[in-house]
Protein backbone atom coordinates (compact mmCIF):
# COMPACT_ATOMS: atom_id res chain seq x y z
CA MET A 1 0.00 0.00 0.00
CA LYS A 2 1.32 3.39 -1.03
CA LYS A 3 1.94 5.73 1.90
CA ILE A 4 2.48 8.91 -0.15
CA THR A 5 0.12 10.96 -2.30
CA ASP A 6 0.62 11.40 -6.03
CA TYR A 7 1.24 15.10 -5.33
CA PHE A 8 4.13 14.28 -2.98
CA GLU A 9 5.62 11.77 -5.40
CA LYS A 10 5.25 13.82 -8.60
CA GLU A 11 5.61 17.40 -7.39
CA VAL A 12 7.28 17.67 -3.99
CA LEU A 13 10.07 15.15 -4.53
CA ARG A 14 10.69 16.54 -8.03
CA LYS A 15 10.92 20.17 -6.89
CA ARG A 16 12.64 19.63 -3.53
CA ARG A 17 15.41 17.18 -4.31
CA TYR A 18 16.91 17.64 -0.85
CA LEU A 19 13.91 15.75 0.60
CA SER A 20 13.21 12.04 0.61
CA GLU A 21 10.46 9.85 1.95
CA GLU A 22 12.98 8.45 4.45
CA ILE A 23 13.76 11.90 5.90
CA CYS A 24 10.04 12.64 6.17
CA ARG A 25 9.37 9.32 7.94
CA LYS A 26 12.04 10.15 10.54
CA VAL A 27 10.30 13.44 11.33
CA ILE A 28 6.85 11.83 11.50
CA LYS A 29 8.19 9.15 13.84
CA ASN A 30 9.84 11.62 16.22
CA PRO A 31 8.47 15.16 15.68
CA ILE A 32 9.46 18.12 17.82
CA LYS A 33 5.95 19.52 17.25
CA LYS A 34 2.70 18.09 15.91
CA GLU A 35 -0.53 19.91 15.10
CA ILE A 36 -3.87 18.98 13.51
CA GLN A 37 -5.08 21.39 10.83
CA SER A 38 -8.72 22.46 10.54
CA ASP A 39 -9.10 20.15 7.50
CA GLY A 40 -7.91 17.15 9.56
CA ARG A 41 -4.49 16.88 7.97
CA ILE A 42 -1.56 16.72 10.37
CA ARG A 43 1.57 18.89 10.47
CA PHE A 44 4.83 17.53 11.84
CA TRP A 45 7.97 19.60 12.42
CA GLY A 46 11.46 18.25 12.82
CA LYS A 47 15.09 19.29 12.80
CA VAL A 48 16.99 17.35 10.14
CA GLU A 49 20.71 16.88 10.67
CA GLU A 50 21.13 15.63 7.08
CA LEU A 51 19.98 19.10 5.97
CA GLU A 52 22.49 21.01 8.10
CA GLY A 53 20.15 21.02 11.10
CA LYS A 54 17.37 22.90 9.31
CA TYR A 55 13.70 22.49 10.20
CA ILE A 56 11.19 20.91 7.87
CA ARG A 57 7.42 20.63 8.03
CA ILE A 58 5.64 17.51 6.83
CA ILE A 59 1.91 17.43 6.07
CA THR A 60 0.15 14.07 6.18
CA LEU A 61 -3.41 13.11 5.42
CA GLU A 62 -5.77 12.52 8.34
CA ASP A 63 -4.31 9.06 8.94
CA GLY A 64 -1.02 10.58 10.11
CA ILE A 65 0.89 8.23 7.81
CA THR A 66 0.29 9.21 4.18
CA ILE A 67 2.70 12.02 3.27
CA HIS A 68 1.16 14.80 1.18
CA ASN A 69 3.61 17.71 1.38
CA ALA A 70 6.97 18.61 2.86
CA PHE A 71 9.17 21.69 2.81
CA MET A 72 11.79 23.68 4.70
CA ASP A 73 10.20 25.76 7.44
CA ARG A 74 12.53 28.74 7.66
CA GLY A 75 10.18 30.51 10.06
CA TYR A 76 10.07 27.74 12.67
CA LYS A 77 11.47 28.70 16.06
CA SER A 78 12.24 25.94 18.55
């Protein structure tokens, strides 16, 4: 069973080559912050050492597993 959306596979990974599903899974597994959006999707934040210690935000579908979007969160303050 596929645990990523077509959007993540075709757009996000293509545009943001510094990201991988593996990096996103690490953040989802051990986030420094987690928040449910009004539409039910879930945001996860994490500091990624592989990306020079920068913060990324991962958006999953309501199941908390299926990755929909991911990007650097330059505005995140720990």
